[in-house]
Amino acid sequence: MISVQEKIANAKLLPVIKLDRVEDAVPLAEALSEGGLPVMGITFRTDAAEDSIRAVSKAYPDVLTGAGTVITLDQVKRAHDAGAKYVVTPGISVSVIEYCCLNKIPVYPGACTPSEIIQVMEFGLDIVKFFPAAQYGGLPTVKALSAPFPALKFVPTGGVSESNLREYLAFKKVIACGGSWMVKDDMIKAGDFKGIVSLVKEAVALAK
């Protein structure tokens, strides 16, 4: 069986999705699948997150559905109960990481400094979400951090787009990039899922 990490590495893209309406979740999952990217990172930035994860997990069990922007123990428990297959955090929450490790849930904590990376690695983890990537120096910083942490892999998120995606992915320590340019908020709200299919196909082609 292919692991979550392998699926993310194969996809090379981790869509960062904010849903205001639960009813948009399944059509969006369908659009991502049709576009060749059966991966969803539904962020806990809205009240619709938990039920959206549950809806997609039930309708599209083959879609790698995870929970993003998880910052509390309550959120990670709700995400797990709803069917999230992985968890992404914007920073380090010891309680969230401990819960994920204890329950064998793949977790990708946000980290952007050597001290934060060391803290993450103390849990036995070797992948971090480098966030916000653009504000913390982008690819040059990722390359600099990889020198003292040769076993570490990165998922840069924040400021990643079609203009710099290939540059990030060309660096072997970057296993995937997070972004929202292929799942634009205004297109989701407008119900333009055909348009999203087109953007996803473009992103997938660019990532290859």
Protein backbone atom coordinates (compact mmCIF):
# COMPACT_ATOMS: atom_id res chain seq x y z
CA MET A 1 0.00 0.00 0.00
CA ILE A 2 1.28 3.44 -0.91
CA SER A 3 1.84 5.65 2.13
CA VAL A 4 0.45 9.14 2.54
CA GLN A 5 3.96 10.55 2.20
CA GLU A 6 4.48 8.68 -1.09
CA LYS A 7 1.13 9.90 -2.42
CA ILE A 8 2.01 13.50 -1.61
CA ALA A 9 5.49 13.11 -3.10
CA ASN A 10 4.00 11.58 -6.25
CA ALA A 11 1.43 14.38 -6.57
CA LYS A 12 4.06 17.08 -5.88
CA LEU A 13 1.18 19.42 -5.09
CA LEU A 14 -0.80 19.95 -1.92
CA PRO A 15 -3.87 22.10 -2.64
CA VAL A 16 -4.67 24.49 0.21
CA ILE A 17 -8.45 24.71 0.27
CA LYS A 18 -10.75 27.02 2.20
CA LEU A 19 -14.40 26.03 2.05
CA ASP A 20 -17.19 28.25 3.31
CA ARG A 21 -19.93 25.81 2.25
CA VAL A 22 -19.96 22.07 2.84
CA GLU A 23 -21.89 21.55 -0.40
CA ASP A 24 -18.83 22.67 -2.39
CA ALA A 25 -16.61 19.94 -0.95
CA VAL A 26 -17.66 16.95 -3.05
CA PRO A 27 -17.84 18.84 -6.39
CA LEU A 28 -14.36 20.20 -5.66
CA ALA A 29 -13.05 16.72 -4.90
CA GLU A 30 -14.49 15.59 -8.21
CA ALA A 31 -12.84 18.51 -10.02
CA LEU A 32 -9.45 17.78 -8.47
CA SER A 33 -9.73 14.10 -9.39
CA GLU A 34 -10.75 14.93 -12.95
CA GLY A 35 -7.80 17.29 -13.20
CA GLY A 36 -5.40 14.54 -12.13
CA LEU A 37 -4.79 15.70 -8.56
CA PRO A 38 -6.79 13.56 -6.10
CA VAL A 39 -5.41 15.42 -3.07
CA MET A 40 -7.19 17.89 -0.79
CA GLY A 41 -5.95 19.87 2.17
CA ILE A 42 -9.11 21.36 3.71
CA THR A 43 -8.16 24.09 6.14
CA PHE A 44 -9.74 24.62 9.54
CA ARG A 45 -10.20 28.30 8.80
CA THR A 46 -13.96 28.01 8.48
CA ASP A 47 -16.81 26.26 10.28
CA ALA A 48 -17.36 24.10 7.19
CA ALA A 49 -14.01 22.29 7.46
CA GLU A 50 -14.97 19.29 9.58
CA ASP A 51 -18.14 18.41 7.68
CA SER A 52 -16.39 19.01 4.36
CA ILE A 53 -13.69 16.49 5.26
CA ARG A 54 -16.37 14.03 6.32
CA ALA A 55 -18.34 14.51 3.09
CA VAL A 56 -15.31 14.00 0.83
CA SER A 57 -14.03 11.04 2.85
CA LYS A 58 -17.38 9.33 2.37
CA ALA A 59 -17.98 10.24 -1.29
CA TYR A 60 -14.38 9.96 -2.52
CA PRO A 61 -12.43 7.61 -0.22
CA ASP A 62 -9.63 7.38 -2.80
CA VAL A 63 -8.99 11.13 -2.61
CA LEU A 64 -6.18 11.88 -0.17
CA THR A 65 -8.11 14.23 2.09
CA GLY A 66 -6.30 16.00 4.89
CA ALA A 67 -6.86 18.80 7.37
CA GLY A 68 -4.86 22.02 7.18
CA THR A 69 -4.36 24.99 9.50
CA VAL A 70 -4.83 22.68 12.48
CA ILE A 71 -3.73 24.51 15.61
CA THR A 72 -5.57 22.89 18.52
CA LEU A 73 -6.04 19.43 19.97
CA ASP A 74 -9.80 19.74 19.52
CA GLN A 75 -9.37 20.43 15.81
CA VAL A 76 -7.07 17.48 15.22
CA LYS A 77 -9.48 15.14 17.02
CA ARG A 78 -12.41 16.42 14.96
CA ALA A 79 -10.40 16.16 11.74
CA HIS A 80 -9.36 12.61 12.55
CA ASP A 81 -12.92 11.59 13.42
CA ALA A 82 -14.13 13.13 10.15
CA GLY A 83 -11.71 10.98 8.14
CA ALA A 84 -8.68 13.20 7.56
CA LYS A 85 -5.78 11.06 6.35
CA TYR A 86 -3.12 13.62 7.27
CA VAL A 87 -2.76 16.85 9.22
CA VAL A 88 -0.88 20.05 8.40
CA THR A 89 -0.19 22.78 10.94
CA PRO A 90 0.98 26.36 10.35
CA GLY A 91 3.35 26.11 13.32
CA ILE A 92 4.31 23.84 16.17
CA SER A 93 1.60 22.62 18.52
CA VAL A 94 3.07 19.99 20.80
CA SER A 95 -0.37 18.61 21.70
CA VAL A 96 -1.35 18.25 18.03
CA ILE A 97 1.93 16.57 17.08
CA GLU A 98 1.80 14.21 20.06
CA TYR A 99 -1.78 13.21 19.25
CA CYS A 100 -0.89 12.54 15.61
CA CYS A 101 2.18 10.49 16.50
CA LEU A 102 0.26 8.49 19.09
CA ASN A 103 -2.55 7.76 16.64
CA LYS A 104 -0.24 7.21 13.65
CA ILE A 105 -1.67 10.15 11.70
CA PRO A 106 0.83 11.66 9.25
CA VAL A 107 1.49 15.23 10.40
CA TYR A 108 3.41 18.00 8.68
CA PRO A 109 4.13 20.79 11.17
CA GLY A 110 4.93 24.31 10.08
CA ALA A 111 8.55 25.23 10.77
CA CYS A 112 10.85 27.87 9.35
CA THR A 113 13.76 28.24 11.78
CA PRO A 114 16.51 25.84 12.90
CA SER A 115 15.10 25.73 16.44
CA GLU A 116 11.61 24.86 15.19
CA ILE A 117 13.00 22.19 12.89
CA ILE A 118 14.93 20.60 15.76
CA GLN A 119 11.74 20.58 17.82
CA VAL A 120 9.87 18.81 15.01
CA MET A 121 12.66 16.28 14.51
CA GLU A 122 12.59 15.40 18.22
CA PHE A 123 9.22 13.76 17.50
CA GLY A 124 10.88 11.55 14.90
CA LEU A 125 9.42 13.52 11.99
CA ASP A 126 11.43 14.33 8.87
CA ILE A 127 9.04 16.53 6.85
CA VAL A 128 8.06 20.10 7.65
CA LYS A 129 5.74 22.59 6.06
CA PHE A 130 7.96 25.59 5.34
CA PHE A 131 5.51 28.42 5.93
CA PRO A 132 5.10 31.20 5.01
CA ALA A 133 7.70 30.37 2.37
CA ALA A 134 7.89 33.69 0.54
CA GLN A 135 8.12 35.79 3.68
CA TYR A 136 10.87 33.61 5.12
CA GLY A 137 13.17 33.76 2.12
CA GLY A 138 11.75 31.15 -0.22
CA LEU A 139 13.95 28.56 -1.89
CA PRO A 140 17.31 30.09 -0.80
CA THR A 141 16.24 29.64 2.83
CA VAL A 142 15.08 26.08 2.19
CA LYS A 143 18.46 25.29 0.66
CA ALA A 144 20.30 26.91 3.57
CA LEU A 145 18.24 24.95 6.13
CA SER A 146 18.79 21.66 4.32
CA ALA A 147 22.55 21.86 4.91
CA PRO A 148 22.49 21.25 8.70
CA PHE A 149 19.44 18.97 8.38
CA PRO A 150 20.31 16.61 5.50
CA ALA A 151 17.55 14.12 6.32
CA LEU A 152 14.82 16.77 6.34
CA LYS A 153 12.30 17.26 3.54
CA PHE A 154 10.16 20.33 2.91
CA VAL A 155 6.68 21.25 1.72
CA PRO A 156 6.97 25.00 0.97
CA THR A 157 3.65 26.81 1.24
CA GLY A 158 2.78 30.49 1.02
CA GLY A 159 3.75 32.45 -2.05
CA VAL A 160 4.16 29.36 -4.20
CA SER A 161 2.53 29.69 -7.60
CA GLU A 162 2.84 28.65 -11.22
CA SER A 163 5.65 31.19 -11.59
CA ASN A 164 8.05 29.50 -9.15
CA LEU A 165 6.68 25.96 -8.70
CA ARG A 166 9.22 24.28 -10.95
CA GLU A 167 12.09 26.09 -9.25
CA TYR A 168 11.01 24.75 -5.87
CA LEU A 169 10.37 21.21 -7.10
CA ALA A 170 13.75 21.08 -8.84
CA PHE A 171 15.38 21.03 -5.40
CA LYS A 172 15.46 17.38 -4.27
CA LYS A 173 14.66 18.16 -0.62
CA VAL A 174 11.29 19.63 -1.64
CA ILE A 175 8.83 16.72 -1.92
CA ALA A 176 5.78 18.85 -2.73
CA CYS A 177 4.49 22.41 -2.70
CA GLY A 178 1.35 23.74 -1.10
CA GLY A 179 -0.75 26.38 -2.80
CA SER A 180 -4.20 27.63 -3.68
CA TRP A 181 -3.75 29.04 -7.17
CA MET A 182 -5.39 25.96 -8.74
CA VAL A 183 -8.35 26.05 -6.31
CA LYS A 184 -9.11 29.76 -6.26
CA ASP A 185 -11.54 30.90 -3.61
CA ASP A 186 -13.63 33.03 -5.98
CA MET A 187 -14.02 30.12 -8.42
CA ILE A 188 -15.17 27.80 -5.64
CA LYS A 189 -17.72 30.37 -4.47
CA ALA A 190 -18.94 30.83 -8.04
CA GLY A 191 -19.28 27.09 -8.54
CA ASP A 192 -16.86 27.20 -11.46
CA PHE A 193 -15.61 23.66 -11.01
CA LYS A 194 -14.94 23.22 -14.74
CA GLY A 195 -12.59 26.19 -14.52
CA ILE A 196 -10.89 24.59 -11.55
CA VAL A 197 -10.41 21.37 -13.54
CA SER A 198 -8.53 23.39 -16.16
CA LEU A 199 -6.31 25.10 -13.56
CA VAL A 200 -5.59 21.77 -11.87
CA LYS A 201 -4.59 20.16 -15.17
CA GLU A 202 -2.21 23.07 -15.81
CA ALA A 203 -0.70 22.75 -12.33
CA VAL A 204 -0.27 18.99 -12.67
CA ALA A 205 1.44 19.40 -16.05
CA LEU A 206 3.72 22.08 -14.61
CA ALA A 207 4.70 19.88 -11.67
CA LYS A 208 5.79 16.97 -13.85
